[in-house]
Amino acid sequence: MNGKIQPLNPIAFSLGPIEVHWYGIIIGSGLALALYLAIREGNRRGLPKETFADLMIWAIPIAIISARIYYVLFEWGYYSKHMGEIPKIWNGGIAIHGALIGSVLTVYVFSKARDISFWKITDIAAPSLILGQAIGRWGNFMNQEAHGGVVSRAFLENLHLPNFIVNQMYINGSYYHPTFLYESVWDFAGFILLMSLRRVNLRRGELFLSYLVWYSIGRFFVEGMRTDSLMLTANLRMAQMISIALVIGALIILFYRRKSGLADIHYLDQRN
């Protein structure tokens, strides 16, 4: 039976010599939906209609570039010998933490230029961001990457997964943990949580900080199961260290902002 299993074709269609990969389509779809939700919520919160569209013109390419740079730097042993592979992000190899760093820096500069609160923008964008991440993980699924260690087919079937997922987890003669799926489900749950927290009317900045805590907790545990982690040392996973730092940093900032009076404005306030 195993010999008959064929992986899903990572190429959606071809336009002459140009191959369009499912990876790019899925990532692009996640970005488009995230942008739509952010623009709609930004309008509700009193931001100019063009705010998020203008922001994304800068944030999307910077996030992609920073995500790729981050990944390449930690895999420099390979890419230093295969320089032509560096631009080929359609083959996989972008790091969410790199994208996050680039995006946050872009939002900070943009918010200063537009005289809009950095925290207001990031609070509005937080649910969109984690939803985009949840969708984007399915690009890893199509590429058969970002998986965990070896498991049995029976293990996967006991998770009540549909056959197309079970079969796609059959890679080079073995079945693997669908860690892309674990993280995607965690992120979808985070999206529901953040959308619910909007109604609580948290103080400004706390929705985005809640995103950092939620995502980082999930990423810490999922990363521990993966076999393709970027390593800081021989035994230390970079994503886990960053996840711990983000949880601690977000909580410190949250309590500091409350204690110092910097978080007196609430999410539903219309002020910029």
Protein backbone atom coordinates (compact mmCIF):
# COMPACT_ATOMS: atom_id res chain seq x y z
CA MET A 1 0.00 0.00 0.00
CA ASN A 2 2.77 2.44 0.93
CA GLY A 3 4.39 2.05 -2.45
CA LYS A 4 1.25 3.35 -4.16
CA ILE A 5 1.04 6.57 -2.16
CA GLN A 6 1.78 9.61 -4.29
CA PRO A 7 2.33 13.03 -2.71
CA LEU A 8 0.19 15.95 -3.76
CA ASN A 9 1.69 17.95 -6.60
CA PRO A 10 3.26 21.11 -5.13
CA ILE A 11 2.80 22.86 -8.50
CA ALA A 12 -0.71 24.25 -8.98
CA PHE A 13 -0.34 25.09 -12.67
CA SER A 14 2.16 26.30 -15.24
CA LEU A 15 2.17 29.40 -17.41
CA GLY A 16 4.60 28.43 -20.12
CA PRO A 17 7.96 28.01 -18.41
CA ILE A 18 6.64 29.55 -15.17
CA GLU A 19 5.49 27.10 -12.51
CA VAL A 20 3.02 28.43 -9.94
CA HIS A 21 3.41 26.59 -6.65
CA TRP A 22 0.66 25.90 -4.14
CA TYR A 23 3.03 27.22 -1.47
CA GLY A 24 2.91 30.72 -2.94
CA ILE A 25 -0.83 30.58 -3.59
CA ILE A 26 -1.58 29.55 -0.02
CA ILE A 27 0.76 32.14 1.51
CA GLY A 28 -0.70 34.81 -0.78
CA SER A 29 -4.26 33.83 0.11
CA GLY A 30 -3.47 34.05 3.80
CA LEU A 31 -1.98 37.50 3.33
CA ALA A 32 -4.96 38.69 1.29
CA LEU A 33 -7.50 37.54 3.87
CA ALA A 34 -5.43 39.00 6.70
CA LEU A 35 -5.24 42.36 4.91
CA TYR A 36 -8.98 42.40 4.23
CA LEU A 37 -9.81 41.79 7.89
CA ALA A 38 -7.30 44.41 9.07
CA ILE A 39 -8.65 47.05 6.66
CA ARG A 40 -12.23 46.37 7.75
CA GLU A 41 -11.38 46.57 11.45
CA GLY A 42 -9.17 49.63 10.90
CA ASN A 43 -12.13 51.44 9.34
CA ARG A 44 -14.25 50.56 12.36
CA ARG A 45 -11.58 51.88 14.70
CA GLY A 46 -11.39 55.22 12.92
CA LEU A 47 -8.20 54.82 10.92
CA PRO A 48 -8.00 56.32 7.41
CA LYS A 49 -9.15 53.77 4.82
CA GLU A 50 -5.77 53.61 3.12
CA THR A 51 -3.79 52.94 6.32
CA PHE A 52 -3.37 49.17 6.09
CA ALA A 53 -3.19 49.09 2.30
CA ASP A 54 -0.31 51.58 2.44
CA LEU A 55 1.32 49.70 5.30
CA MET A 56 1.19 46.37 3.45
CA ILE A 57 2.97 47.84 0.45
CA TRP A 58 6.03 48.03 2.69
CA ALA A 59 5.34 45.34 5.28
CA ILE A 60 4.73 42.37 2.96
CA PRO A 61 7.96 42.54 0.92
CA ILE A 62 10.01 43.46 4.00
CA ALA A 63 8.49 40.56 5.95
CA ILE A 64 9.23 38.10 3.15
CA ILE A 65 12.79 39.36 2.74
CA SER A 66 13.48 39.37 6.48
CA ALA A 67 11.93 35.91 6.86
CA ARG A 68 14.21 34.58 4.13
CA ILE A 69 17.31 36.36 5.46
CA TYR A 70 16.64 34.95 8.92
CA TYR A 71 16.35 31.41 7.54
CA VAL A 72 19.37 31.69 5.26
CA LEU A 73 21.57 33.04 8.04
CA PHE A 74 20.88 30.02 10.22
CA GLU A 75 21.40 27.66 7.28
CA TRP A 76 24.42 29.48 5.95
CA GLY A 77 26.48 26.30 5.85
CA TYR A 78 24.24 25.11 3.02
CA TYR A 79 23.40 28.38 1.25
CA SER A 80 27.01 29.58 1.18
CA LYS A 81 27.64 26.67 -1.19
CA HIS A 82 24.34 27.05 -3.09
CA MET A 83 23.95 30.78 -3.56
CA GLY A 84 21.53 30.31 -6.44
CA GLU A 85 19.05 28.71 -4.05
CA ILE A 86 18.71 31.79 -1.84
CA PRO A 87 15.92 33.51 -3.84
CA LYS A 88 13.88 30.30 -4.28
CA ILE A 89 11.42 30.77 -1.44
CA TRP A 90 8.85 28.69 -3.33
CA ASN A 91 10.88 25.67 -2.28
CA GLY A 92 10.27 26.60 1.34
CA GLY A 93 12.64 28.11 3.84
CA ILE A 94 11.18 31.24 5.35
CA ALA A 95 11.07 31.78 9.10
CA ILE A 96 8.01 33.24 10.79
CA HIS A 97 10.12 34.90 13.48
CA GLY A 98 12.13 36.66 10.81
CA ALA A 99 8.92 37.89 9.18
CA LEU A 100 7.64 39.06 12.56
CA ILE A 101 10.78 41.05 13.27
CA GLY A 102 10.64 42.73 9.87
CA SER A 103 6.92 43.45 10.17
CA VAL A 104 7.12 44.96 13.65
CA LEU A 105 9.99 47.26 12.66
CA THR A 106 8.06 48.32 9.56
CA VAL A 107 4.93 49.08 11.59
CA TYR A 108 6.98 51.11 14.08
CA VAL A 109 8.48 53.32 11.38
CA PHE A 110 5.15 53.58 9.55
CA SER A 111 3.27 54.54 12.72
CA LYS A 112 5.74 57.32 13.45
CA ALA A 113 5.49 58.64 9.90
CA ARG A 114 1.67 58.64 9.98
CA ASP A 115 1.36 59.83 13.60
CA ILE A 116 -0.75 56.80 14.52
CA SER A 117 -0.25 54.73 17.66
CA PHE A 118 1.99 51.73 17.06
CA TRP A 119 -0.08 49.79 19.58
CA LYS A 120 -3.35 50.66 17.87
CA ILE A 121 -2.10 49.33 14.54
CA THR A 122 -0.67 46.14 16.03
CA ASP A 123 -3.80 45.48 18.11
CA ILE A 124 -5.96 45.73 15.00
CA ALA A 125 -3.58 43.54 13.00
CA ALA A 126 -3.04 40.82 15.64
CA PRO A 127 -6.02 38.58 14.76
CA SER A 128 -5.27 38.98 11.06
CA LEU A 129 -1.64 38.07 11.64
CA ILE A 130 -2.31 34.82 13.46
CA LEU A 131 -5.00 33.85 10.94
CA GLY A 132 -2.52 34.39 8.11
CA GLN A 133 -0.04 32.17 9.93
CA ALA A 134 -2.67 29.45 10.38
CA ILE A 135 -3.41 29.44 6.66
CA GLY A 136 0.23 29.75 5.66
CA ARG A 137 1.17 26.50 7.41
CA TRP A 138 -0.74 24.63 4.73
CA GLY A 139 1.89 25.79 2.28
CA ASN A 140 4.33 23.71 4.33
CA PHE A 141 1.90 20.81 4.01
CA MET A 142 1.98 21.00 0.21
CA ASN A 143 5.79 21.04 0.29
CA GLN A 144 5.92 18.14 2.79
CA GLU A 145 8.02 20.21 5.18
CA ALA A 146 7.82 21.53 8.75
CA HIS A 147 6.93 18.03 9.95
CA GLY A 148 7.88 16.18 13.11
CA GLY A 149 9.45 12.83 13.82
CA VAL A 150 8.55 9.41 12.49
CA VAL A 151 5.20 7.89 13.51
CA SER A 152 3.08 5.01 12.28
CA ARG A 153 0.16 5.26 9.91
CA ALA A 154 -2.04 3.90 12.69
CA PHE A 155 -1.02 6.85 14.88
CA LEU A 156 -2.13 9.32 12.22
CA GLU A 157 -5.37 7.45 11.57
CA ASN A 158 -6.12 7.50 15.31
CA LEU A 159 -6.04 11.30 15.09
CA HIS A 160 -9.04 10.96 12.74
CA LEU A 161 -7.24 12.83 10.00
CA PRO A 162 -8.54 12.64 6.43
CA ASN A 163 -6.60 10.37 4.10
CA PHE A 164 -5.15 13.22 2.05
CA ILE A 165 -3.31 14.49 5.14
CA VAL A 166 -2.21 11.02 6.24
CA ASN A 167 -0.91 10.22 2.76
CA GLN A 168 0.92 13.54 2.45
CA MET A 169 2.74 12.74 5.69
CA TYR A 170 4.28 9.70 3.97
CA ILE A 171 7.71 11.00 2.98
CA ASN A 172 10.61 8.92 1.71
CA GLY A 173 9.28 5.69 3.13
CA SER A 174 8.05 6.86 6.55
CA TYR A 175 5.11 8.66 8.13
CA TYR A 176 5.74 11.81 10.14
CA HIS A 177 4.04 13.97 12.76
CA PRO A 178 1.95 16.65 10.96
CA THR A 179 3.38 19.46 13.08
CA PHE A 180 2.28 21.94 10.42
CA LEU A 181 -1.28 20.92 11.34
CA TYR A 182 -0.72 21.17 15.09
CA GLU A 183 0.51 24.73 14.71
CA SER A 184 -2.22 25.65 12.25
CA VAL A 185 -4.94 24.45 14.64
CA TRP A 186 -3.29 26.32 17.52
CA ASP A 187 -3.20 29.49 15.42
CA PHE A 188 -6.85 29.15 14.38
CA ALA A 189 -7.75 28.81 18.05
CA GLY A 190 -5.67 31.92 18.73
CA PHE A 191 -7.58 33.80 16.04
CA ILE A 192 -10.88 32.93 17.73
CA LEU A 193 -9.44 33.97 21.11
CA LEU A 194 -8.18 37.33 19.85
CA MET A 195 -11.45 38.09 18.07
CA SER A 196 -13.23 37.38 21.36
CA LEU A 197 -10.83 39.59 23.32
CA ARG A 198 -11.76 42.52 21.08
CA ARG A 199 -15.12 42.61 22.84
CA VAL A 200 -13.46 42.73 26.26
CA ASN A 201 -12.05 46.16 25.35
CA LEU A 202 -8.55 45.51 26.66
CA ARG A 203 -6.12 48.35 27.13
CA ARG A 204 -4.26 49.44 24.04
CA GLY A 205 -1.38 47.12 23.17
CA GLU A 206 -2.68 44.17 25.13
CA LEU A 207 -4.34 42.44 22.19
CA PHE A 208 -1.04 42.34 20.30
CA LEU A 209 0.85 41.27 23.42
CA SER A 210 -1.72 38.50 23.93
CA TYR A 211 -1.00 37.36 20.39
CA LEU A 212 2.71 37.16 21.13
CA VAL A 213 2.10 35.09 24.27
CA TRP A 214 -0.43 32.72 22.67
CA TYR A 215 1.53 32.12 19.48
CA SER A 216 4.84 31.70 21.29
CA ILE A 217 3.50 29.11 23.75
CA GLY A 218 2.18 26.99 20.90
CA ARG A 219 5.29 27.45 18.82
CA PHE A 220 7.52 26.39 21.71
CA PHE A 221 5.88 22.99 22.03
CA VAL A 222 5.40 22.37 18.31
CA GLU A 223 9.00 23.33 17.58
CA GLY A 224 10.17 20.69 20.03
CA MET A 225 8.59 18.05 17.78
CA ARG A 226 10.00 19.25 14.47
CA THR A 227 12.97 17.73 12.67
CA ASP A 228 13.95 20.77 10.60
CA SER A 229 14.49 23.33 13.32
CA LEU A 230 16.96 26.16 12.94
CA MET A 231 19.52 25.46 15.65
CA LEU A 232 21.29 28.04 17.80
CA THR A 233 23.69 25.36 19.03
CA ALA A 234 23.85 21.63 18.54
CA ASN A 235 21.11 21.08 21.12
CA LEU A 236 19.32 24.43 21.33
CA ARG A 237 16.47 25.34 18.97
CA MET A 238 16.38 28.99 17.98
CA ALA A 239 12.58 29.22 17.69
CA GLN A 240 12.10 27.88 21.20
CA MET A 241 14.52 30.42 22.66
CA ILE A 242 12.78 33.24 20.82
CA SER A 243 9.39 31.96 21.94
CA ILE A 244 10.45 32.02 25.59
CA ALA A 245 11.88 35.53 25.15
CA LEU A 246 8.68 36.76 23.49
CA VAL A 247 6.44 35.40 26.26
CA ILE A 248 8.58 36.93 29.00
CA GLY A 249 9.05 40.20 27.11
CA ALA A 250 5.34 40.55 26.29
CA LEU A 251 4.31 39.99 29.91
CA ILE A 252 6.90 42.46 31.19
CA ILE A 253 5.73 45.11 28.71
CA LEU A 254 2.07 44.47 29.57
CA PHE A 255 2.58 44.92 33.31
CA TYR A 256 4.94 47.86 32.85
CA ARG A 257 2.49 49.71 30.61
CA ARG A 258 -0.29 49.22 33.13
CA LYS A 259 1.80 50.23 36.11
CA SER A 260 3.29 53.30 34.43
CA GLY A 261 -0.02 54.58 33.04
CA LEU A 262 1.01 54.09 29.40
CA ALA A 263 -1.97 51.81 28.80
CA ASP A 264 -4.83 54.06 29.87
CA ILE A 265 -6.36 54.13 26.38
CA HIS A 266 -8.53 51.13 25.53
CA TYR A 267 -8.91 49.17 22.32
CA LEU A 268 -12.30 50.58 21.38
CA ASP A 269 -11.21 54.21 21.82
CA GLN A 270 -11.14 56.06 18.52
CA ARG A 271 -8.06 58.14 19.24
CA ASN A 272 -4.99 57.56 17.07
